[in-house]
Amino acid sequence: MLMLTKDTQYIRSLYLKRDQIKSFARYPLNLPFIHGLQELAFHPNVTYIIGEKGMGKSTLLEAIAISLGFNPEGGTRNFNFSSYDSHSDLDKYLRIVKGVHRANDSFFFRAETFYNVATHIEELDSEPLGG
């Protein structure tokens, strides 16, 4: 059984760049969890982000993904498309602290937009090669 430690962690923590925020009056900076956020440390094995609907869980995960170079709608770093540009600018105010481990492959999975990713893959598969 592989035991993960802080030495093998891909993302160790994130910090909110509070000094770059001029106002907390607009979305998503007006979300209650942002007001007290300094650092969010991730457990080496798994981190659960839980809360009521509308608390900003998906917004936070999306901002982390964008900060890591992923498409906000899901997919890989090299698989970029946009069906509806609706992501927030929270990623501009996050500093991601990575561990020394680098993933060989990665995927940002969003249940909300999985249908769009699957549809885009089907469209690409139907195109002639080299087209």
C-alpha atoms as a PDB file:
ATOM      1  CA  MET A   1       0.000   0.000   0.000  1.00  0.00           C
ATOM      2  CA  LEU A   2       1.393   3.383  -1.046  1.00  0.00           C
ATOM      3  CA  MET A   3       1.504   5.808   1.853  1.00  0.00           C
ATOM      4  CA  LEU A   4       1.556   9.441   0.838  1.00  0.00           C
ATOM      5  CA  THR A   5       3.461  11.971   2.895  1.00  0.00           C
ATOM      6  CA  LYS A   6       4.093  15.690   2.626  1.00  0.00           C
ATOM      7  CA  ASP A   7       7.160  14.772   0.519  1.00  0.00           C
ATOM      8  CA  THR A   8       5.014  13.038  -2.137  1.00  0.00           C
ATOM      9  CA  GLN A   9       2.104  15.473  -2.111  1.00  0.00           C
ATOM     10  CA  TYR A  10       1.228  17.248  -5.368  1.00  0.00           C
ATOM     11  CA  ILE A  11      -0.448  20.266  -3.728  1.00  0.00           C
ATOM     12  CA  ARG A  12       0.497  21.051  -0.132  1.00  0.00           C
ATOM     13  CA  SER A  13      -1.531  24.191   0.515  1.00  0.00           C
ATOM     14  CA  LEU A  14      -2.867  27.427  -0.845  1.00  0.00           C
ATOM     15  CA  TYR A  15      -2.722  30.988   0.384  1.00  0.00           C
ATOM     16  CA  LEU A  16      -5.043  33.866  -0.309  1.00  0.00           C
ATOM     17  CA  LYS A  17      -3.095  36.870  -1.619  1.00  0.00           C
ATOM     18  CA  ARG A  18      -4.957  39.252   0.671  1.00  0.00           C
ATOM     19  CA  ASP A  19      -2.589  42.135  -0.075  1.00  0.00           C
ATOM     20  CA  GLN A  20      -3.715  42.101  -3.725  1.00  0.00           C
ATOM     21  CA  ILE A  21      -7.419  42.294  -2.915  1.00  0.00           C
ATOM     22  CA  LYS A  22      -8.744  45.855  -3.036  1.00  0.00           C
ATOM     23  CA  SER A  23     -12.259  44.975  -1.910  1.00  0.00           C
ATOM     24  CA  PHE A  24     -14.095  41.949  -0.582  1.00  0.00           C
ATOM     25  CA  ALA A  25     -17.430  43.427  -1.737  1.00  0.00           C
ATOM     26  CA  ARG A  26     -17.809  41.522  -5.024  1.00  0.00           C
ATOM     27  CA  TYR A  27     -18.160  37.841  -5.905  1.00  0.00           C
ATOM     28  CA  PRO A  28     -16.345  35.556  -5.201  1.00  0.00           C
ATOM     29  CA  LEU A  29     -14.352  37.576  -2.701  1.00  0.00           C
ATOM     30  CA  ASN A  30     -17.540  38.290  -0.754  1.00  0.00           C
ATOM     31  CA  LEU A  31     -18.062  34.589   0.056  1.00  0.00           C
ATOM     32  CA  PRO A  32     -17.933  34.074   3.834  1.00  0.00           C
ATOM     33  CA  PHE A  33     -15.124  31.485   3.734  1.00  0.00           C
ATOM     34  CA  ILE A  34     -12.856  33.932   1.861  1.00  0.00           C
ATOM     35  CA  HIS A  35     -13.050  36.561   4.618  1.00  0.00           C
ATOM     36  CA  GLY A  36     -11.201  34.345   7.105  1.00  0.00           C
ATOM     37  CA  LEU A  37      -9.009  32.475   4.637  1.00  0.00           C
ATOM     38  CA  GLN A  38      -5.277  32.807   5.139  1.00  0.00           C
ATOM     39  CA  GLU A  39      -3.961  29.310   4.348  1.00  0.00           C
ATOM     40  CA  LEU A  40      -5.695  26.077   3.428  1.00  0.00           C
ATOM     41  CA  ALA A  41      -3.478  23.049   4.059  1.00  0.00           C
ATOM     42  CA  PHE A  42      -4.209  19.831   2.195  1.00  0.00           C
ATOM     43  CA  HIS A  43      -3.816  16.435   3.850  1.00  0.00           C
ATOM     44  CA  PRO A  44      -1.306  14.191   2.046  1.00  0.00           C
ATOM     45  CA  ASN A  45      -3.889  11.451   1.468  1.00  0.00           C
ATOM     46  CA  VAL A  46      -7.199  13.200   0.878  1.00  0.00           C
ATOM     47  CA  THR A  47      -8.848  16.521   1.637  1.00  0.00           C
ATOM     48  CA  TYR A  48     -12.617  16.905   1.776  1.00  0.00           C
ATOM     49  CA  ILE A  49     -14.164  20.243   0.998  1.00  0.00           C
ATOM     50  CA  ILE A  50     -17.686  20.258   2.331  1.00  0.00           C
ATOM     51  CA  GLY A  51     -20.371  22.847   2.921  1.00  0.00           C
ATOM     52  CA  GLU A  52     -23.860  23.916   2.073  1.00  0.00           C
ATOM     53  CA  LYS A  53     -24.968  24.768  -1.444  1.00  0.00           C
ATOM     54  CA  GLY A  54     -23.735  28.183  -2.511  1.00  0.00           C
ATOM     55  CA  MET A  55     -20.835  28.331  -0.060  1.00  0.00           C
ATOM     56  CA  GLY A  56     -18.179  28.418  -2.810  1.00  0.00           C
ATOM     57  CA  LYS A  57     -16.850  24.833  -2.887  1.00  0.00           C
ATOM     58  CA  SER A  58     -16.929  24.546  -6.671  1.00  0.00           C
ATOM     59  CA  THR A  59     -15.650  28.099  -7.065  1.00  0.00           C
ATOM     60  CA  LEU A  60     -12.633  27.264  -4.906  1.00  0.00           C
ATOM     61  CA  LEU A  61     -11.898  23.989  -6.723  1.00  0.00           C
ATOM     62  CA  GLU A  62     -12.258  25.719 -10.085  1.00  0.00           C
ATOM     63  CA  ALA A  63      -9.843  28.482  -9.003  1.00  0.00           C
ATOM     64  CA  ILE A  64      -7.300  25.885  -7.849  1.00  0.00           C
ATOM     65  CA  ALA A  65      -7.603  24.075 -11.187  1.00  0.00           C
ATOM     66  CA  ILE A  66      -7.141  27.294 -13.176  1.00  0.00           C
ATOM     67  CA  SER A  67      -4.125  28.202 -11.029  1.00  0.00           C
ATOM     68  CA  LEU A  68      -2.622  24.838 -11.964  1.00  0.00           C
ATOM     69  CA  GLY A  69      -3.175  25.454 -15.684  1.00  0.00           C
ATOM     70  CA  PHE A  70      -6.379  23.486 -16.228  1.00  0.00           C
ATOM     71  CA  ASN A  71      -9.357  24.475 -18.312  1.00  0.00           C
ATOM     72  CA  PRO A  72     -12.062  25.764 -15.918  1.00  0.00           C
ATOM     73  CA  GLU A  73     -14.640  23.523 -17.588  1.00  0.00           C
ATOM     74  CA  GLY A  74     -12.658  20.366 -16.927  1.00  0.00           C
ATOM     75  CA  GLY A  75     -10.238  18.174 -18.796  1.00  0.00           C
ATOM     76  CA  THR A  76      -6.467  18.114 -19.077  1.00  0.00           C
ATOM     77  CA  ARG A  77      -4.019  20.999 -19.357  1.00  0.00           C
ATOM     78  CA  ASN A  78      -3.842  20.410 -23.129  1.00  0.00           C
ATOM     79  CA  PHE A  79      -7.577  19.986 -23.612  1.00  0.00           C
ATOM     80  CA  ASN A  80      -8.965  23.509 -23.731  1.00  0.00           C
ATOM     81  CA  PHE A  81     -12.380  24.526 -24.928  1.00  0.00           C
ATOM     82  CA  SER A  82     -15.108  26.784 -23.678  1.00  0.00           C
ATOM     83  CA  SER A  83     -18.813  26.271 -24.019  1.00  0.00           C
ATOM     84  CA  TYR A  84     -19.678  29.056 -21.570  1.00  0.00           C
ATOM     85  CA  ASP A  85     -17.088  31.326 -19.970  1.00  0.00           C
ATOM     86  CA  SER A  86     -18.429  31.701 -16.433  1.00  0.00           C
ATOM     87  CA  HIS A  87     -15.515  31.150 -14.066  1.00  0.00           C
ATOM     88  CA  SER A  88     -14.631  33.668 -11.384  1.00  0.00           C
ATOM     89  CA  ASP A  89     -11.321  35.489 -10.987  1.00  0.00           C
ATOM     90  CA  LEU A  90     -10.530  33.864  -7.617  1.00  0.00           C
ATOM     91  CA  ASP A  91      -7.527  32.095  -9.182  1.00  0.00           C
ATOM     92  CA  LYS A  92      -5.768  35.485  -9.481  1.00  0.00           C
ATOM     93  CA  TYR A  93      -5.745  35.758  -5.687  1.00  0.00           C
ATOM     94  CA  LEU A  94      -4.489  32.256  -4.870  1.00  0.00           C
ATOM     95  CA  ARG A  95      -0.931  31.121  -4.355  1.00  0.00           C
ATOM     96  CA  ILE A  96      -0.653  27.353  -4.717  1.00  0.00           C
ATOM     97  CA  VAL A  97       2.121  25.647  -2.757  1.00  0.00           C
ATOM     98  CA  LYS A  98       3.119  22.478  -4.569  1.00  0.00           C
ATOM     99  CA  GLY A  99       5.035  19.555  -3.177  1.00  0.00           C
ATOM    100  CA  VAL A 100       8.074  18.047  -4.852  1.00  0.00           C
ATOM    101  CA  HIS A 101       5.991  15.306  -6.510  1.00  0.00           C
ATOM    102  CA  ARG A 102       4.952  16.053 -10.085  1.00  0.00           C
ATOM    103  CA  ALA A 103       2.081  14.168 -11.614  1.00  0.00           C
ATOM    104  CA  ASN A 104       2.781  12.372 -14.896  1.00  0.00           C
ATOM    105  CA  ASP A 105      -0.774  12.910 -16.031  1.00  0.00           C
ATOM    106  CA  SER A 106      -3.667  14.868 -14.595  1.00  0.00           C
ATOM    107  CA  PHE A 107      -7.315  15.639 -15.180  1.00  0.00           C
ATOM    108  CA  PHE A 108      -9.686  18.188 -13.665  1.00  0.00           C
ATOM    109  CA  PHE A 109     -13.018  16.401 -13.355  1.00  0.00           C
ATOM    110  CA  ARG A 110     -16.156  18.479 -12.925  1.00  0.00           C
ATOM    111  CA  ALA A 111     -19.422  16.651 -12.589  1.00  0.00           C
ATOM    112  CA  GLU A 112     -21.253  19.812 -13.682  1.00  0.00           C
ATOM    113  CA  THR A 113     -19.444  19.993 -17.000  1.00  0.00           C
ATOM    114  CA  PHE A 114     -18.625  16.354 -17.707  1.00  0.00           C
ATOM    115  CA  TYR A 115     -21.319  16.308 -20.374  1.00  0.00           C
ATOM    116  CA  ASN A 116     -19.594  19.188 -22.217  1.00  0.00           C
ATOM    117  CA  VAL A 117     -16.212  17.448 -22.074  1.00  0.00           C
ATOM    118  CA  ALA A 118     -17.679  14.152 -23.317  1.00  0.00           C
ATOM    119  CA  THR A 119     -19.531  15.925 -26.139  1.00  0.00           C
ATOM    120  CA  HIS A 120     -16.372  17.743 -27.225  1.00  0.00           C
ATOM    121  CA  ILE A 121     -14.423  14.457 -27.258  1.00  0.00           C
ATOM    122  CA  GLU A 122     -17.128  12.877 -29.424  1.00  0.00           C
ATOM    123  CA  GLU A 123     -16.950  15.841 -31.826  1.00  0.00           C
ATOM    124  CA  LEU A 124     -13.162  15.495 -32.066  1.00  0.00           C
ATOM    125  CA  ASP A 125     -13.489  11.746 -32.661  1.00  0.00           C
ATOM    126  CA  SER A 126     -15.911  12.335 -35.549  1.00  0.00           C
ATOM    127  CA  GLU A 127     -13.494  14.648 -37.381  1.00  0.00           C
ATOM    128  CA  PRO A 128     -11.170  13.156 -40.005  1.00  0.00           C
ATOM    129  CA  LEU A 129      -7.571  12.790 -38.866  1.00  0.00           C
ATOM    130  CA  GLY A 130      -5.380  15.707 -39.771  1.00  0.00           C
ATOM    131  CA  GLY A 131      -8.491  17.718 -40.637  1.00  0.00           C
END
